[in-house]
Amino acid sequence: MFEDLDEAFGPWEDRMSCKERSIILKERSSWERALDIFKWFKRKRCYEVNVIHYNIMISILGRARKWGYVEQLRDEMIANGVVPVNSTYGTLIDAYSKGGR
């Protein structure tokens, strides 16, 4: 596994599709690694981080019971003009209910 995300994704940086980015996030076994990759996507600015990516991260972080991060992403979406959709609310409800909240 590559520690340096620039090294890992650099060759595909300009060619990665939205679907490929979604798959990369979903396939992470570690919430920390998924969050690092998500932040890398946002930093690169050549990628559109959309509601699907936020929903994936909310789900991952909810399973890990990282409520502060879940709430931070929810607030960040709104601040960045990424409009929550029905599946966003469903993902939040699922994460909170499975986490006992």
N, C-alpha and C. Protein backbone atom coordinates (compact mmCIF):
# COMPACT_ATOMS: atom_id res chain seq x y z
N MET A 1 0.85 -1.18 0.00
CA MET A 1 0.00 0.00 0.00
C MET A 1 0.88 1.24 0.00
N PHE A 2 0.50 2.20 -0.80
CA PHE A 2 1.22 3.45 -0.88
C PHE A 2 0.83 4.35 0.30
N GLU A 3 1.82 4.89 0.97
CA GLU A 3 1.55 5.86 2.02
C GLU A 3 1.27 7.23 1.41
N ASP A 4 1.99 7.55 0.36
CA ASP A 4 1.88 8.86 -0.30
C ASP A 4 0.79 8.79 -1.37
N LEU A 5 -0.29 9.51 -1.15
CA LEU A 5 -1.40 9.46 -2.09
C LEU A 5 -1.05 10.07 -3.43
N ASP A 6 -0.17 11.06 -3.46
CA ASP A 6 0.27 11.62 -4.74
C ASP A 6 0.97 10.55 -5.57
N GLU A 7 1.76 9.73 -4.91
CA GLU A 7 2.46 8.64 -5.60
C GLU A 7 1.47 7.58 -6.07
N ALA A 8 0.48 7.26 -5.23
CA ALA A 8 -0.48 6.21 -5.55
C ALA A 8 -1.41 6.62 -6.69
N PHE A 9 -1.93 7.84 -6.62
CA PHE A 9 -2.94 8.26 -7.59
C PHE A 9 -2.41 9.19 -8.67
N GLY A 10 -1.20 9.67 -8.52
CA GLY A 10 -0.62 10.62 -9.46
C GLY A 10 -0.76 10.24 -10.92
N PRO A 11 -0.44 8.99 -11.29
CA PRO A 11 -0.53 8.63 -12.71
C PRO A 11 -1.94 8.72 -13.28
N TRP A 12 -2.96 8.64 -12.43
CA TRP A 12 -4.35 8.68 -12.90
C TRP A 12 -5.06 9.97 -12.51
N GLU A 13 -4.32 10.89 -11.98
CA GLU A 13 -4.90 12.10 -11.40
C GLU A 13 -5.87 12.81 -12.34
N ASP A 14 -5.54 12.94 -13.59
CA ASP A 14 -6.37 13.69 -14.52
C ASP A 14 -7.38 12.82 -15.27
N ARG A 15 -7.35 11.51 -15.01
CA ARG A 15 -8.21 10.62 -15.79
C ARG A 15 -9.21 9.83 -14.96
N MET A 16 -9.20 9.99 -13.65
CA MET A 16 -10.07 9.21 -12.78
C MET A 16 -11.52 9.70 -12.89
N SER A 17 -12.43 8.79 -13.16
CA SER A 17 -13.84 9.16 -13.29
C SER A 17 -14.48 9.27 -11.91
N CYS A 18 -15.64 9.87 -11.89
CA CYS A 18 -16.42 10.00 -10.65
C CYS A 18 -16.72 8.61 -10.08
N LYS A 19 -17.09 7.69 -10.94
CA LYS A 19 -17.40 6.32 -10.50
C LYS A 19 -16.16 5.65 -9.91
N GLU A 20 -15.01 5.83 -10.53
CA GLU A 20 -13.78 5.25 -10.01
C GLU A 20 -13.43 5.82 -8.63
N ARG A 21 -13.64 7.11 -8.44
CA ARG A 21 -13.38 7.72 -7.14
C ARG A 21 -14.33 7.15 -6.09
N SER A 22 -15.57 6.93 -6.47
CA SER A 22 -16.55 6.34 -5.55
C SER A 22 -16.12 4.93 -5.14
N ILE A 23 -15.69 4.14 -6.10
CA ILE A 23 -15.25 2.77 -5.82
C ILE A 23 -14.03 2.78 -4.91
N ILE A 24 -13.09 3.66 -5.17
CA ILE A 24 -11.89 3.76 -4.34
C ILE A 24 -12.27 4.05 -2.89
N LEU A 25 -13.19 4.97 -2.67
CA LEU A 25 -13.62 5.29 -1.31
C LEU A 25 -14.33 4.11 -0.66
N LYS A 26 -15.25 3.48 -1.39
CA LYS A 26 -16.03 2.37 -0.84
C LYS A 26 -15.18 1.16 -0.48
N GLU A 27 -14.10 0.96 -1.19
CA GLU A 27 -13.28 -0.23 -1.01
C GLU A 27 -12.31 -0.15 0.18
N ARG A 28 -12.21 0.99 0.81
CA ARG A 28 -11.27 1.13 1.93
C ARG A 28 -11.79 0.38 3.14
N SER A 29 -10.89 -0.37 3.78
CA SER A 29 -11.27 -1.10 4.99
C SER A 29 -11.07 -0.23 6.23
N SER A 30 -10.32 0.83 6.10
CA SER A 30 -10.02 1.72 7.22
C SER A 30 -10.70 3.07 7.01
N TRP A 31 -11.45 3.52 8.00
CA TRP A 31 -12.10 4.82 7.88
C TRP A 31 -11.06 5.93 7.78
N GLU A 32 -9.90 5.75 8.46
CA GLU A 32 -8.85 6.77 8.41
C GLU A 32 -8.31 6.93 6.99
N ARG A 33 -8.09 5.78 6.33
CA ARG A 33 -7.56 5.81 4.97
C ARG A 33 -8.59 6.42 4.01
N ALA A 34 -9.84 6.05 4.17
CA ALA A 34 -10.90 6.63 3.33
C ALA A 34 -10.95 8.14 3.51
N LEU A 35 -10.84 8.60 4.75
CA LEU A 35 -10.88 10.04 5.02
C LEU A 35 -9.67 10.74 4.40
N ASP A 36 -8.50 10.12 4.49
CA ASP A 36 -7.30 10.69 3.85
C ASP A 36 -7.49 10.83 2.34
N ILE A 37 -8.04 9.80 1.72
CA ILE A 37 -8.26 9.82 0.27
C ILE A 37 -9.30 10.88 -0.09
N PHE A 38 -10.38 10.95 0.68
CA PHE A 38 -11.41 11.95 0.45
C PHE A 38 -10.83 13.36 0.53
N LYS A 39 -10.01 13.61 1.53
CA LYS A 39 -9.35 14.92 1.67
C LYS A 39 -8.42 15.18 0.50
N TRP A 40 -7.74 14.15 0.02
CA TRP A 40 -6.84 14.29 -1.13
C TRP A 40 -7.63 14.69 -2.37
N PHE A 41 -8.79 14.03 -2.58
CA PHE A 41 -9.65 14.40 -3.71
C PHE A 41 -10.03 15.88 -3.62
N LYS A 42 -10.41 16.32 -2.45
CA LYS A 42 -10.83 17.72 -2.28
C LYS A 42 -9.65 18.67 -2.52
N ARG A 43 -8.47 18.31 -2.07
CA ARG A 43 -7.29 19.17 -2.23
C ARG A 43 -6.90 19.32 -3.69
N LYS A 44 -7.08 18.29 -4.46
CA LYS A 44 -6.62 18.30 -5.86
C LYS A 44 -7.40 19.27 -6.73
N ARG A 45 -8.62 19.53 -6.41
CA ARG A 45 -9.48 20.48 -7.13
C ARG A 45 -9.67 20.16 -8.61
N CYS A 46 -9.04 19.10 -9.12
CA CYS A 46 -9.33 18.69 -10.49
C CYS A 46 -10.49 17.70 -10.46
N TYR A 47 -10.94 17.37 -9.26
CA TYR A 47 -12.06 16.46 -9.08
C TYR A 47 -13.25 17.21 -8.52
N GLU A 48 -14.41 16.84 -8.98
CA GLU A 48 -15.64 17.34 -8.38
C GLU A 48 -16.00 16.36 -7.27
N VAL A 49 -15.97 16.84 -6.03
CA VAL A 49 -16.42 16.02 -4.92
C VAL A 49 -17.91 16.30 -4.79
N ASN A 50 -18.72 15.26 -5.03
CA ASN A 50 -20.16 15.48 -5.12
C ASN A 50 -20.91 14.81 -3.97
N VAL A 51 -22.22 14.88 -4.03
CA VAL A 51 -23.06 14.37 -2.95
C VAL A 51 -22.85 12.87 -2.75
N ILE A 52 -22.57 12.14 -3.80
CA ILE A 52 -22.32 10.69 -3.68
C ILE A 52 -21.10 10.43 -2.82
N HIS A 53 -20.02 11.19 -3.05
CA HIS A 53 -18.80 11.00 -2.26
C HIS A 53 -19.03 11.36 -0.80
N TYR A 54 -19.78 12.42 -0.56
CA TYR A 54 -20.10 12.77 0.82
C TYR A 54 -20.94 11.67 1.46
N ASN A 55 -21.92 11.13 0.75
CA ASN A 55 -22.75 10.05 1.29
C ASN A 55 -21.91 8.82 1.64
N ILE A 56 -20.98 8.48 0.76
CA ILE A 56 -20.09 7.34 1.02
C ILE A 56 -19.31 7.58 2.30
N MET A 57 -18.77 8.78 2.44
CA MET A 57 -17.96 9.08 3.63
C MET A 57 -18.81 9.12 4.89
N ILE A 58 -20.02 9.66 4.80
CA ILE A 58 -20.92 9.67 5.96
C ILE A 58 -21.20 8.23 6.40
N SER A 59 -21.42 7.35 5.45
CA SER A 59 -21.68 5.95 5.76
C SER A 59 -20.46 5.30 6.42
N ILE A 60 -19.29 5.50 5.84
CA ILE A 60 -18.05 4.92 6.39
C ILE A 60 -17.80 5.43 7.80
N LEU A 61 -17.91 6.73 7.98
CA LEU A 61 -17.63 7.32 9.29
C LEU A 61 -18.72 6.97 10.31
N GLY A 62 -19.94 6.81 9.84
CA GLY A 62 -21.02 6.38 10.74
C GLY A 62 -20.79 4.96 11.25
N ARG A 63 -20.37 4.06 10.35
CA ARG A 63 -20.07 2.69 10.77
C ARG A 63 -18.96 2.67 11.82
N ALA A 64 -18.02 3.60 11.67
CA ALA A 64 -16.90 3.68 12.62
C ALA A 64 -17.27 4.49 13.87
N ARG A 65 -18.50 5.02 13.89
CA ARG A 65 -19.01 5.84 15.01
C ARG A 65 -18.15 7.07 15.27
N LYS A 66 -17.75 7.69 14.20
CA LYS A 66 -16.97 8.92 14.25
C LYS A 66 -17.91 10.10 14.03
N TRP A 67 -18.75 10.36 15.03
CA TRP A 67 -19.85 11.31 14.91
C TRP A 67 -19.37 12.73 14.65
N GLY A 68 -18.26 13.13 15.22
CA GLY A 68 -17.74 14.47 14.96
C GLY A 68 -17.42 14.67 13.49
N TYR A 69 -16.83 13.65 12.87
CA TYR A 69 -16.53 13.73 11.44
C TYR A 69 -17.81 13.72 10.61
N VAL A 70 -18.78 12.90 11.01
CA VAL A 70 -20.06 12.85 10.28
C VAL A 70 -20.70 14.24 10.27
N GLU A 71 -20.76 14.86 11.44
CA GLU A 71 -21.37 16.18 11.54
C GLU A 71 -20.56 17.23 10.79
N GLN A 72 -19.24 17.10 10.84
CA GLN A 72 -18.38 18.03 10.12
C GLN A 72 -18.63 17.94 8.61
N LEU A 73 -18.75 16.72 8.08
CA LEU A 73 -19.01 16.55 6.65
C LEU A 73 -20.38 17.09 6.27
N ARG A 74 -21.37 16.84 7.11
CA ARG A 74 -22.72 17.36 6.85
C ARG A 74 -22.69 18.89 6.74
N ASP A 75 -22.00 19.53 7.68
CA ASP A 75 -21.90 20.98 7.66
C ASP A 75 -21.08 21.47 6.47
N GLU A 76 -20.02 20.74 6.15
CA GLU A 76 -19.15 21.10 5.02
C GLU A 76 -19.91 21.04 3.70
N MET A 77 -20.75 20.03 3.55
CA MET A 77 -21.56 19.91 2.33
C MET A 77 -22.35 21.18 2.10
N ILE A 78 -23.06 21.58 3.14
CA ILE A 78 -23.92 22.76 3.03
C ILE A 78 -23.09 24.00 2.75
N ALA A 79 -21.98 24.15 3.45
CA ALA A 79 -21.11 25.32 3.27
C ALA A 79 -20.54 25.38 1.86
N ASN A 80 -20.29 24.21 1.25
CA ASN A 80 -19.70 24.16 -0.09
C ASN A 80 -20.74 24.09 -1.20
N GLY A 81 -22.01 24.22 -0.84
CA GLY A 81 -23.05 24.22 -1.86
C GLY A 81 -23.37 22.85 -2.43
N VAL A 82 -22.97 21.78 -1.73
CA VAL A 82 -23.32 20.43 -2.15
C VAL A 82 -24.66 20.11 -1.48
N VAL A 83 -25.70 20.06 -2.27
CA VAL A 83 -27.05 19.93 -1.75
C VAL A 83 -27.33 18.48 -1.34
N PRO A 84 -27.69 18.27 -0.07
CA PRO A 84 -28.08 16.92 0.35
C PRO A 84 -29.33 16.46 -0.41
N VAL A 85 -29.37 15.18 -0.71
CA VAL A 85 -30.51 14.60 -1.40
C VAL A 85 -31.16 13.57 -0.47
N ASN A 86 -32.24 12.95 -0.91
CA ASN A 86 -32.93 11.97 -0.07
C ASN A 86 -32.00 10.89 0.45
N SER A 87 -31.10 10.42 -0.41
CA SER A 87 -30.19 9.35 0.03
C SER A 87 -29.21 9.86 1.10
N THR A 88 -28.92 11.15 1.11
CA THR A 88 -28.06 11.71 2.15
C THR A 88 -28.76 11.59 3.50
N TYR A 89 -30.03 11.97 3.54
CA TYR A 89 -30.78 11.88 4.78
C TYR A 89 -30.96 10.42 5.21
N GLY A 90 -31.18 9.54 4.25
CA GLY A 90 -31.27 8.11 4.55
C GLY A 90 -29.97 7.57 5.11
N THR A 91 -28.86 8.01 4.55
CA THR A 91 -27.54 7.58 5.03
C THR A 91 -27.31 8.08 6.44
N LEU A 92 -27.68 9.34 6.71
CA LEU A 92 -27.53 9.88 8.07
C LEU A 92 -28.40 9.11 9.06
N ILE A 93 -29.64 8.86 8.70
CA ILE A 93 -30.54 8.11 9.59
C ILE A 93 -29.99 6.71 9.85
N ASP A 94 -29.53 6.06 8.80
CA ASP A 94 -28.96 4.70 8.93
C ASP A 94 -27.74 4.72 9.84
N ALA A 95 -26.84 5.67 9.62
CA ALA A 95 -25.62 5.75 10.43
C ALA A 95 -25.94 5.99 11.90
N TYR A 96 -26.82 6.94 12.15
CA TYR A 96 -27.17 7.26 13.53
C TYR A 96 -27.93 6.12 14.21
N SER A 97 -28.85 5.50 13.49
CA SER A 97 -29.64 4.43 14.12
C SER A 97 -28.79 3.19 14.41
N LYS A 98 -27.92 2.83 13.49
CA LYS A 98 -27.04 1.68 13.71
C LYS A 98 -26.01 1.96 14.79
N GLY A 99 -25.70 3.26 14.97
CA GLY A 99 -24.74 3.64 16.00
C GLY A 99 -25.39 3.90 17.35
N GLY A 100 -26.69 3.64 17.44
CA GLY A 100 -27.38 3.80 18.70
C GLY A 100 -27.73 5.23 19.06
N ARG A 101 -27.76 6.10 18.07
CA ARG A 101 -28.08 7.51 18.34
C ARG A 101 -29.45 7.85 17.83
